[in-house]
Amino acid sequence: MAPGGAARMSAALILASVWVLASAITAMLPYRMQFPPGIALLFLSVPLLIFIGISHGFIWVGLFLFAVASMFRNPLIYFAKRLMGRPT
């Protein structure tokens, strides 16, 4: 605990919280404006997952990975189909 009895959150979890807020704001944009910030958030999630894993371990990585997969399920399904050579 930090002095004064207040708990402190790590930098990794603060960045993860900011990422979740940014992706929620992106989801509220009109559809045609979601693509650029959405792709940026999707690519930023990979180093953030690594940072969380180094700082806190696999349980927190699993929780954040669940958040990423739930918010970006359609683009992830699309990219998976393209990787496997299936029609999109």
Protein backbone atom coordinates (compact mmCIF):
# COMPACT_ATOMS: atom_id res chain seq x y z
CA MET A 1 0.00 0.00 0.00
CA ALA A 2 1.07 3.51 -0.68
CA PRO A 3 1.56 6.00 2.14
CA GLY A 4 -1.75 7.15 3.56
CA GLY A 5 -3.45 3.82 2.94
CA ALA A 6 -4.31 4.45 -0.73
CA ALA A 7 -3.64 1.61 -3.14
CA ARG A 8 -1.64 2.44 -6.27
CA MET A 9 -2.28 1.01 -9.69
CA SER A 10 0.66 0.02 -11.88
CA ALA A 11 1.49 1.77 -15.14
CA ALA A 12 0.48 -1.35 -17.09
CA LEU A 13 -3.02 -1.39 -15.62
CA ILE A 14 -3.43 2.37 -16.04
CA LEU A 15 -2.52 2.02 -19.74
CA ALA A 16 -4.93 -0.92 -20.06
CA SER A 17 -7.71 1.19 -18.53
CA VAL A 18 -6.96 4.04 -20.94
CA TRP A 19 -6.98 1.52 -23.81
CA VAL A 20 -10.43 0.24 -22.76
CA LEU A 21 -11.80 3.79 -22.53
CA ALA A 22 -10.33 4.70 -25.93
CA SER A 23 -11.83 1.61 -27.54
CA ALA A 24 -15.23 2.35 -25.99
CA ILE A 25 -15.08 5.89 -27.36
CA THR A 26 -14.04 4.52 -30.77
CA ALA A 27 -17.05 2.19 -30.73
CA MET A 28 -19.33 5.21 -30.29
CA LEU A 29 -18.00 6.91 -33.43
CA PRO A 30 -19.88 6.61 -36.72
CA TYR A 31 -18.93 3.41 -38.52
CA ARG A 32 -16.90 5.10 -41.28
CA MET A 33 -14.73 6.85 -38.65
CA GLN A 34 -14.03 3.76 -36.52
CA PHE A 35 -11.47 2.07 -38.77
CA PRO A 36 -8.25 4.16 -38.25
CA PRO A 37 -8.44 4.42 -34.45
CA GLY A 38 -9.73 0.86 -34.19
CA ILE A 39 -6.80 -0.62 -36.11
CA ALA A 40 -4.37 1.49 -34.08
CA LEU A 41 -5.92 0.20 -30.85
CA LEU A 42 -5.81 -3.38 -32.12
CA PHE A 43 -2.09 -3.12 -32.91
CA LEU A 44 -1.36 -1.31 -29.63
CA SER A 45 -2.98 -4.15 -27.71
CA VAL A 46 -0.08 -6.52 -28.49
CA PRO A 47 2.69 -4.55 -26.71
CA LEU A 48 0.23 -3.71 -23.96
CA LEU A 49 -0.48 -7.42 -23.45
CA ILE A 50 3.27 -8.05 -23.18
CA PHE A 51 3.69 -5.18 -20.70
CA ILE A 52 0.82 -6.48 -18.57
CA GLY A 53 2.26 -10.00 -18.69
CA ILE A 54 5.68 -8.83 -17.54
CA SER A 55 4.20 -6.68 -14.78
CA HIS A 56 1.40 -8.89 -13.45
CA GLY A 57 1.41 -12.39 -14.96
CA PHE A 58 -0.87 -14.55 -17.05
CA ILE A 59 -4.14 -14.02 -15.18
CA TRP A 60 -4.17 -10.31 -16.00
CA VAL A 61 -3.07 -11.05 -19.58
CA GLY A 62 -6.05 -13.40 -19.89
CA LEU A 63 -8.44 -10.76 -18.62
CA PHE A 64 -7.11 -8.12 -21.00
CA LEU A 65 -7.04 -10.59 -23.88
CA PHE A 66 -10.71 -11.31 -23.21
CA ALA A 67 -11.43 -7.55 -23.41
CA VAL A 68 -9.52 -7.26 -26.69
CA ALA A 69 -11.27 -10.28 -28.19
CA SER A 70 -14.72 -9.08 -27.14
CA MET A 71 -14.24 -5.57 -28.53
CA PHE A 72 -12.52 -6.63 -31.74
CA ARG A 73 -14.16 -9.98 -32.48
CA ASN A 74 -15.29 -9.09 -36.02
CA PRO A 75 -11.91 -7.76 -37.24
CA LEU A 76 -10.13 -10.70 -35.59
CA ILE A 77 -12.46 -13.19 -37.31
CA TYR A 78 -11.88 -11.40 -40.62
CA PHE A 79 -8.07 -11.52 -40.27
CA ALA A 80 -8.19 -15.17 -39.17
CA LYS A 81 -10.22 -16.09 -42.27
CA ARG A 82 -7.80 -14.23 -44.51
CA LEU A 83 -4.84 -16.00 -42.91
CA MET A 84 -6.45 -19.39 -43.48
CA GLY A 85 -7.35 -18.53 -47.08
CA ARG A 86 -11.10 -18.79 -46.53
CA PRO A 87 -13.58 -16.41 -48.18
CA THR A 88 -14.32 -13.37 -46.05
